[in-house]
Every structure is written in C-alpha cells, then in structure tokens.
Amino acid sequence: MSSRAIVNLLSKITVMKNSVVAMLIIVLSAGFGFAQDTTTMNKKTKELADAKTELAAAQAKVDALVAQIEALKPVIKWKTGGFQALNFNQGSFSNWSLGGVNAISVTALGNAYANYKFSNWTWDNNLDLAYGLLQNKGEDIRKNEDKIDFQSKVGRKASDKLSWASIARFESQFDKGYDFNDEDENRPVISRFMAPAYLKLSLGIDYKPTDKLSIYISPAAGKWTFVTDDSIAAQHLYIPEEHGNANRRGEFGALTSFIYQNKKIAKNIGLRTSLELFNNYTDDNRPNRRNIDVDWQVRTDIKISKYIGANLFTHLKYDHDTKIEYDPENKPGVTGPRTQFKELFGLGFNYKF
C-alpha cells in the first residue's frame, strides 16, 4: 500500500472517530437534560404535595374556627313577624247615565306569626285577623269582612321531610252579623263573637317536600261547633235541628290540609293558599258521612312601594250543616247547604314587621 493510500485511510478513520465522538456527546447531553427535567418535575411534584397538605391543614383550622364561632352564637329558636294593612275603597256618582251608588268602605287586615324550632321540635303559630265596614248611600253601615283565625301546630321530626304533628285551630268573628235579606229594620242577628265558633283538634303526619309546601293528614280529628247566643242557636243555622244540643256540637273524623306559601312567587308578589278538608265519619245522619267540609283560602299580596300595596283575598267554603237562605224572594225562610264564596280586593297602606 502506498503512502498516499495510508494517509487517506488514516484521514477517514479520523473523520469517523470525530463523528462517533460527536454522537456520543449529543446522546450524553440529551440524557443529562432528561435527567435534569425529571429532577425538576419531582421537585415540583413534592412542592405541590406539601402545598396541598398545608392547604388541608389551613382549611381544617378554618372549619374548626367557624364551628367554634357558631357554637358561641346564641341559638335563635323563635322567628316572628307579620303584616298590617289598611285598605280604602270609595265610589262617587253624579248624573252617571249607567247608574251607580255612592259607597265607601274601609278594611283592616292583620297577620302575625311566631314559629319555634329547636332540635327535632317545631311549633308554628299563625293568627289572621280582618274587619271591614261598608256604607252605601241611603243604607246603614254594615260589615263586609270579619274574621278571627288562629292555628297552632306542634311537630316532632321523624325524617328530613316527615314529622309527627298535632294541630289546633280556632275560628270566629268579632262583631254582629245581620240577615240583610230581611228588609225589616229589626232584621235578625245571625252571627256574633262565639256564635258561631269552630275549634278543631287533630293528630297526624306533616309532609314537607319543600320549605314552601306542607301536606298534613290526620285520621283522628275532632271538630266542635259553638253557638253561645241562644237566639242565634234557635235558628239552627250552624247546628242541625235534629242534634240534641243547639249550642254545641262535636264531630269526629279525618282532616287533611294543604298549605303553600311563597313570599316571592313573582317580583313584588307574594302568595299564600290553604285548603282544609274535613269528613265526619261518625255523623248520626249516615248519608251525611259522604259529605266533606271544604275551606279554601287564597291571599295574594302585591307590593307597589315600601308602604303602599294591594291585597286580593278569596275564600270558598262548604259545610253541609250550615244552612243558608238561597231564594229569599220566591221562597223566603227556606234554607239549605250552599257553596259560600267571598272575594275582597283592597288598595292601601301596608306595613310588614
């Protein structure tokens, strides 16, 4: 082999050697970089784990402090409130071709509640009062609204939505009521305080699927009707004549009630509706056991401004034992059970407390 060939061979070997060395340097650099990245990632992972541990410890401390603060707060067992309203209505006519009667009316409404809640016990109390006067031109002043309605319910929680409960309810009116179908100036008085009055006591279960709806079912309910005025009792408007005592009557049966209350069913509008059904399944008059007493009340409150509002109230009742003169013109003095309905709308001063 010539010297020139030997030089060329050595040159090629040198180039190959340099290439191998360069490749080794690249591989070693990449491995070192990967090892460095792995070390950094492990470090950051450890820092994250430490931070989570510190956060959990801090949250536990916060929770403990919140619990201690709550334990130091006084337990609020009672919630109270209500509203008052004074509504006015006035109408005046002069040479009005379509006719009309000058009239003025004023109605006072009041509601108060006091609700107790502690541990598994609740005690809800609600009082509704109303009294209104109306005067049409040429007529005496007469009442157009008169109500006393008090209900008290005691319950013991059995589950999240179910409670054992007992309800007491009292209903009557403040003032005398007259039979205005009788045109005689000495028209008969047909109602006054405690004539009639109703007392209901019951034991049952109370189901509350939401905080706005209550469904109460009682298979053991008593209803007592009182007519403490003998002259009103003698008319047998509220207690059947065939019953032995015209001043007092007791009934035993089943009671169901539905109450829905939403203070903001829409903007500036509140709604409260209650439906009560009672069936006397021990009535001496067996056919009457199929009849159900119905008491359905709906009150809508509309807020116009801070102290001005409107109220719409409807009340539907049916009691087979309550006798009403249903055709005074053609059959004066003929009475019988009838569906009763009352609707009142008022605009005036409202105040909530």
Protein backbone atom coordinates (compact mmCIF):
# COMPACT_ATOMS: atom_id res chain seq x y z
CA MET A 1 0.00 0.00 0.00
CA SER A 2 1.31 3.34 -1.00
CA SER A 3 1.97 6.11 1.47
CA ARG A 4 -0.76 8.20 -0.07
CA ALA A 5 -3.34 5.44 0.43
CA ILE A 6 -2.23 5.07 4.02
CA VAL A 7 -2.74 8.81 4.58
CA ASN A 8 -6.22 8.71 3.06
CA LEU A 9 -7.18 5.72 5.28
CA LEU A 10 -5.97 7.44 8.39
CA SER A 11 -7.89 10.55 7.39
CA LYS A 12 -11.14 8.57 7.01
CA ILE A 13 -10.56 6.87 10.39
CA THR A 14 -10.11 10.28 11.99
CA VAL A 15 -13.36 11.60 10.47
CA MET A 16 -15.28 8.53 11.66
CA LYS A 17 -13.77 8.89 15.11
CA ASN A 18 -14.82 12.52 15.29
CA SER A 19 -18.37 11.60 14.18
CA VAL A 20 -18.66 8.93 16.84
CA VAL A 21 -17.39 11.32 19.48
CA ALA A 22 -19.90 13.96 18.33
CA MET A 23 -22.77 11.43 18.51
CA LEU A 24 -21.70 10.36 21.98
CA ILE A 25 -21.64 13.98 23.10
CA ILE A 26 -25.16 14.55 21.72
CA VAL A 27 -26.56 11.40 23.42
CA LEU A 28 -24.90 12.23 26.71
CA SER A 29 -26.21 15.81 26.56
CA ALA A 30 -29.78 14.62 25.88
CA GLY A 31 -29.59 12.13 28.73
CA PHE A 32 -28.30 14.77 31.06
CA GLY A 33 -31.10 17.16 30.01
CA PHE A 34 -33.76 14.47 30.54
CA ALA A 35 -32.34 13.64 33.95
CA GLN A 36 -32.37 17.33 34.83
CA ASP A 37 -36.06 17.70 33.72
CA THR A 38 -37.02 14.62 35.75
CA THR A 39 -35.32 16.04 38.82
CA THR A 40 -37.12 19.38 38.39
CA MET A 41 -40.52 17.66 37.91
CA ASN A 42 -40.02 15.52 41.02
CA LYS A 43 -39.11 18.63 42.97
CA LYS A 44 -42.21 20.49 41.79
CA THR A 45 -44.41 17.44 42.49
CA LYS A 46 -43.10 17.34 46.06
CA GLU A 47 -43.74 21.10 46.45
CA LEU A 48 -47.33 20.61 45.21
CA ALA A 49 -47.91 17.77 47.66
CA ASP A 50 -46.54 19.90 50.51
CA ALA A 51 -48.76 22.82 49.47
CA LYS A 52 -51.86 20.57 49.42
CA THR A 53 -51.02 19.32 52.90
CA GLU A 54 -50.65 22.88 54.16
CA LEU A 55 -53.94 23.87 52.46
CA ALA A 56 -55.77 20.92 54.07
CA ALA A 57 -54.38 21.88 57.47
CA ALA A 58 -55.39 25.52 56.95
CA GLN A 59 -58.92 24.51 55.84
CA ALA A 60 -59.26 22.25 58.86
CA LYS A 61 -58.27 25.18 61.08
CA VAL A 62 -60.80 27.45 59.31
CA ASP A 63 -63.55 24.85 59.74
CA ALA A 64 -62.72 24.47 63.41
CA LEU A 65 -62.82 28.24 63.95
CA VAL A 66 -66.17 28.51 62.12
CA ALA A 67 -67.60 25.74 64.29
CA GLN A 68 -66.35 27.47 67.43
CA ILE A 69 -67.87 30.81 66.36
CA GLU A 70 -71.21 29.15 65.55
CA ALA A 71 -71.17 27.44 68.94
CA LEU A 72 -70.69 30.82 70.63
CA LYS A 73 -73.64 32.39 68.80
CA PRO A 74 -76.98 32.38 70.67
CA VAL A 75 -79.42 29.79 69.30
CA ILE A 76 -82.32 31.53 67.53
CA LYS A 77 -85.31 29.40 68.44
CA TRP A 78 -88.09 31.84 67.56
CA LYS A 79 -88.92 33.60 64.31
CA THR A 80 -91.67 36.20 64.46
CA GLY A 81 -93.23 38.63 62.04
CA GLY A 82 -96.37 39.60 60.19
CA PHE A 83 -98.02 42.47 58.38
CA GLN A 84 -100.74 45.09 58.79
CA ALA A 85 -102.85 46.63 56.06
CA LEU A 86 -105.49 49.33 55.97
CA ASN A 87 -107.40 49.41 52.68
CA PHE A 88 -109.81 52.06 51.44
CA ASN A 89 -112.38 51.95 48.66
CA GLN A 90 -114.62 54.81 47.59
CA GLY A 91 -117.02 55.36 44.72
CA SER A 92 -118.97 58.52 43.84
CA PHE A 93 -121.53 59.06 41.04
CA SER A 94 -123.28 62.21 39.83
CA ASN A 95 -125.64 62.18 36.85
CA TRP A 96 -123.99 58.94 35.74
CA SER A 97 -126.08 57.51 32.91
CA LEU A 98 -125.11 53.91 33.63
CA GLY A 99 -126.16 54.21 37.26
CA GLY A 100 -124.30 53.59 40.47
CA VAL A 101 -124.46 54.05 44.20
CA ASN A 102 -122.09 56.20 46.21
CA ALA A 103 -120.20 53.95 48.58
CA ILE A 104 -117.23 53.95 50.89
CA SER A 105 -115.51 51.08 52.68
CA VAL A 106 -112.52 50.53 54.89
CA THR A 107 -110.92 47.19 55.79
CA ALA A 108 -108.21 46.44 58.34
CA LEU A 109 -106.13 43.29 57.90
CA GLY A 110 -103.57 41.81 60.24
CA ASN A 111 -101.34 38.77 60.34
CA ALA A 112 -98.83 37.67 62.95
CA TYR A 113 -96.74 34.53 63.24
CA ALA A 114 -94.42 33.09 65.85
CA ASN A 115 -92.53 29.94 64.90
CA TYR A 116 -90.28 27.93 67.21
CA LYS A 117 -87.64 25.46 66.06
CA PHE A 118 -85.11 23.61 68.19
CA SER A 119 -83.57 20.19 67.79
CA ASN A 120 -86.29 17.89 66.38
CA TRP A 121 -89.21 20.02 67.59
CA THR A 122 -91.19 22.75 65.82
CA TRP A 123 -94.10 24.89 66.97
CA ASP A 124 -95.77 27.14 64.37
CA ASN A 125 -98.40 29.73 65.32
CA ASN A 126 -100.34 31.88 62.85
CA LEU A 127 -103.05 34.49 63.54
CA ASP A 128 -105.17 36.13 60.81
CA LEU A 129 -107.49 38.99 61.72
CA ALA A 130 -109.72 41.13 59.50
CA TYR A 131 -112.52 43.61 59.97
CA GLY A 132 -114.18 45.82 57.39
CA LEU A 133 -117.09 48.26 57.16
CA LEU A 134 -119.10 49.31 54.12
CA GLN A 135 -121.67 52.05 53.64
CA ASN A 136 -123.77 52.53 50.54
CA LYS A 137 -125.65 55.80 50.12
CA GLY A 138 -129.01 55.64 51.86
CA GLU A 139 -128.14 52.50 53.83
CA ASP A 140 -126.82 51.77 57.29
CA ILE A 141 -123.19 50.85 57.85
CA ARG A 142 -122.64 47.13 57.60
CA LYS A 143 -119.60 44.92 57.88
CA ASN A 144 -118.14 43.35 54.77
CA GLU A 145 -115.31 41.45 56.46
CA ASP A 146 -114.96 39.90 59.91
CA LYS A 147 -112.51 37.13 60.74
CA ILE A 148 -110.58 35.60 63.62
CA ASP A 149 -108.48 32.62 62.56
CA PHE A 150 -105.77 31.18 64.82
CA GLN A 151 -103.81 27.99 64.14
CA SER A 152 -101.11 26.31 66.19
CA LYS A 153 -99.12 23.27 65.05
CA VAL A 154 -96.62 21.26 67.10
CA GLY A 155 -94.40 18.78 65.29
CA ARG A 156 -91.59 16.34 66.01
CA LYS A 157 -89.26 15.45 63.18
CA ALA A 158 -89.34 11.82 62.05
CA SER A 159 -87.21 12.24 58.91
CA ASP A 160 -85.94 15.05 56.70
CA LYS A 161 -89.39 15.75 55.22
CA LEU A 162 -91.78 13.99 57.57
CA SER A 163 -92.94 14.91 61.08
CA TRP A 164 -95.46 13.73 63.62
CA ALA A 165 -97.75 16.68 64.24
CA SER A 166 -100.76 17.99 66.13
CA ILE A 167 -102.87 20.97 65.04
CA ALA A 168 -105.31 23.18 66.94
CA ARG A 169 -107.38 25.75 65.03
CA PHE A 170 -109.92 28.30 66.26
CA GLU A 171 -112.24 30.38 64.06
CA SER A 172 -114.84 33.02 64.89
CA GLN A 173 -115.66 36.69 64.26
CA PHE A 174 -115.62 39.98 66.21
CA ASP A 175 -118.96 41.63 65.62
CA LYS A 176 -122.64 41.07 64.95
CA GLY A 177 -123.75 39.99 61.51
CA TYR A 178 -127.27 40.58 60.22
CA ASP A 179 -129.51 38.88 57.68
CA PHE A 180 -129.79 41.64 55.07
CA ASN A 181 -132.24 39.57 53.04
CA ASP A 182 -134.71 40.68 55.67
CA GLU A 183 -135.69 44.30 54.85
CA ASP A 184 -137.12 44.89 58.31
CA GLU A 185 -135.13 47.42 60.33
CA ASN A 186 -135.11 44.90 63.17
CA ARG A 187 -133.53 42.24 60.98
CA PRO A 188 -132.30 39.18 62.85
CA VAL A 189 -128.73 38.79 64.08
CA ILE A 190 -127.22 35.67 62.52
CA SER A 191 -123.68 35.84 63.92
CA ARG A 192 -121.53 37.44 66.60
CA PHE A 193 -118.44 36.57 68.61
CA MET A 194 -118.52 32.86 69.54
CA ALA A 195 -121.73 32.38 67.58
CA PRO A 196 -120.63 30.51 65.66
CA ALA A 197 -117.11 29.50 66.64
CA TYR A 198 -115.22 26.43 65.50
CA LEU A 199 -112.47 24.50 67.26
CA LYS A 200 -110.53 21.71 65.55
CA LEU A 201 -108.00 19.40 67.19
CA SER A 202 -106.14 16.69 65.30
CA LEU A 203 -103.22 14.26 65.35
CA GLY A 204 -101.42 13.19 62.21
CA ILE A 205 -98.36 13.44 60.00
CA ASP A 206 -96.95 16.52 58.29
CA TYR A 207 -95.10 16.09 54.99
CA LYS A 208 -92.99 18.98 53.68
CA PRO A 209 -91.49 18.19 50.26
CA THR A 210 -90.22 21.80 50.10
CA ASP A 211 -89.97 24.66 52.57
CA LYS A 212 -92.99 26.30 50.87
CA LEU A 213 -95.44 23.37 50.85
CA SER A 214 -96.96 21.46 53.78
CA ILE A 215 -99.30 18.46 53.44
CA TYR A 216 -100.95 17.39 56.68
CA ILE A 217 -103.02 14.22 57.05
CA SER A 218 -104.91 13.30 60.21
CA PRO A 219 -107.06 10.17 60.62
CA ALA A 220 -108.08 11.35 64.10
CA ALA A 221 -109.59 14.84 64.14
CA GLY A 222 -112.24 16.46 66.30
CA LYS A 223 -114.38 19.43 65.28
CA TRP A 224 -116.54 21.38 67.73
CA THR A 225 -119.13 23.99 66.76
CA PHE A 226 -120.18 26.54 69.39
CA VAL A 227 -123.18 28.90 69.21
CA THR A 228 -123.19 30.71 72.55
CA ASP A 229 -126.06 33.07 71.66
CA ASP A 230 -129.40 31.37 72.29
CA SER A 231 -131.33 33.48 69.77
CA ILE A 232 -128.86 32.55 67.02
CA ALA A 233 -128.78 28.92 68.16
CA ALA A 234 -132.58 28.77 67.89
CA GLN A 235 -132.30 29.48 64.15
CA HIS A 236 -130.31 26.24 63.64
CA LEU A 237 -128.09 27.84 61.02
CA TYR A 238 -124.90 26.12 62.15
CA ILE A 239 -126.01 23.07 64.12
CA PRO A 240 -128.71 20.76 62.68
CA GLU A 241 -132.06 20.90 64.45
CA GLU A 242 -132.09 17.15 64.91
CA HIS A 243 -128.95 17.42 67.03
CA GLY A 244 -129.83 17.43 70.71
CA ASN A 245 -127.81 20.50 71.77
CA ALA A 246 -128.34 23.71 69.75
CA ASN A 247 -125.40 25.46 71.44
CA ARG A 248 -122.66 22.89 71.00
CA ARG A 249 -121.87 20.01 68.68
CA GLY A 250 -118.90 17.66 68.50
CA GLU A 251 -117.79 15.72 65.42
CA PHE A 252 -115.04 13.15 64.90
CA GLY A 253 -113.44 12.28 61.59
CA ALA A 254 -110.48 12.78 59.28
CA LEU A 255 -108.78 16.04 58.34
CA THR A 256 -106.40 16.91 55.52
CA SER A 257 -104.82 20.28 54.84
CA PHE A 258 -102.55 21.69 52.17
CA ILE A 259 -100.66 24.95 52.76
CA TYR A 260 -98.49 26.66 50.16
CA GLN A 261 -96.73 29.94 50.92
CA ASN A 262 -94.29 31.79 48.69
CA LYS A 263 -93.33 35.34 49.62
CA LYS A 264 -91.93 35.96 46.13
CA ILE A 265 -93.89 33.91 43.63
CA ALA A 266 -93.10 36.75 41.22
CA LYS A 267 -91.45 40.14 41.52
CA ASN A 268 -93.18 42.06 44.34
CA ILE A 269 -95.95 39.42 44.56
CA GLY A 270 -96.50 37.00 47.43
CA LEU A 271 -98.99 34.15 47.65
CA ARG A 272 -100.45 32.08 50.48
CA THR A 273 -103.11 29.46 49.88
CA SER A 274 -104.57 26.88 52.27
CA LEU A 275 -107.06 24.09 51.60
CA GLU A 276 -108.64 22.19 54.50
CA LEU A 277 -110.90 19.15 54.11
CA PHE A 278 -112.83 17.53 56.96
CA ASN A 279 -115.01 14.44 56.89
CA ASN A 280 -117.20 13.46 59.83
CA TYR A 281 -117.36 9.68 59.58
CA THR A 282 -119.31 9.34 62.85
CA ASP A 283 -122.28 11.53 61.83
CA ASP A 284 -125.58 10.21 63.19
CA ASN A 285 -127.05 11.09 59.82
CA ARG A 286 -125.33 8.34 57.82
CA PRO A 287 -125.89 9.87 54.34
CA ASN A 288 -124.09 12.99 55.59
CA ARG A 289 -120.92 10.96 56.16
CA ARG A 290 -120.27 11.19 52.42
CA ASN A 291 -120.10 14.99 52.58
CA ILE A 292 -116.80 16.81 53.05
CA ASP A 293 -116.38 20.23 54.63
CA VAL A 294 -114.24 22.44 52.39
CA ASP A 295 -112.33 25.55 53.47
CA TRP A 296 -110.10 27.09 50.78
CA GLN A 297 -108.42 30.47 51.26
CA VAL A 298 -106.10 32.34 48.89
CA ARG A 299 -104.32 35.61 49.66
CA THR A 300 -102.21 37.49 47.15
CA ASP A 301 -100.08 40.42 48.33
CA ILE A 302 -98.80 42.92 45.77
CA LYS A 303 -96.11 45.38 46.80
CA ILE A 304 -96.37 48.71 44.96
CA SER A 305 -93.98 50.74 47.09
CA LYS A 306 -92.46 50.47 50.55
CA TYR A 307 -95.74 51.27 52.32
CA ILE A 308 -98.35 51.00 49.58
CA GLY A 309 -99.72 47.66 48.45
CA ALA A 310 -102.72 45.74 47.23
CA ASN A 311 -104.33 42.58 48.59
CA LEU A 312 -106.61 40.11 46.87
CA PHE A 313 -108.35 37.60 49.12
CA THR A 314 -110.74 34.81 48.14
CA HIS A 315 -112.46 32.34 50.45
CA LEU A 316 -114.52 29.33 49.38
CA LYS A 317 -116.41 27.26 51.96
CA TYR A 318 -118.83 24.38 52.01
CA ASP A 319 -120.34 22.85 55.14
CA HIS A 320 -123.38 20.64 54.67
CA ASP A 321 -124.58 21.53 58.17
CA THR A 322 -124.56 25.30 57.58
CA LYS A 323 -127.96 26.50 56.37
CA ILE A 324 -128.25 29.49 54.04
CA GLU A 325 -131.38 31.20 52.69
CA TYR A 326 -130.93 30.56 48.99
CA ASP A 327 -134.07 32.05 47.40
CA PRO A 328 -135.32 34.85 49.68
CA GLU A 329 -137.60 36.42 47.04
CA ASN A 330 -139.60 33.38 45.96
CA LYS A 331 -139.08 31.17 48.98
CA PRO A 332 -138.39 33.39 51.99
CA GLY A 333 -137.23 31.45 55.01
CA VAL A 334 -136.17 28.37 53.01
CA THR A 335 -132.61 27.42 53.90
CA GLY A 336 -130.16 24.74 52.90
CA PRO A 337 -126.47 23.97 52.37
CA ARG A 338 -124.79 26.12 49.73
CA THR A 339 -121.28 26.76 48.47
CA GLN A 340 -120.09 30.01 50.03
CA PHE A 341 -117.66 32.34 48.26
CA LYS A 342 -116.12 35.64 49.25
CA GLU A 343 -113.74 37.90 47.30
CA LEU A 344 -112.10 41.07 48.59
CA PHE A 345 -109.68 43.40 46.86
CA GLY A 346 -108.08 46.32 48.62
CA LEU A 347 -105.51 49.00 47.95
CA GLY A 348 -103.95 50.92 50.78
CA PHE A 349 -101.28 51.18 53.46
CA ASN A 350 -99.21 48.04 54.17
CA TYR A 351 -96.57 47.54 56.82
CA LYS A 352 -94.52 44.40 57.44
CA PHE A 353 -92.72 43.63 60.68
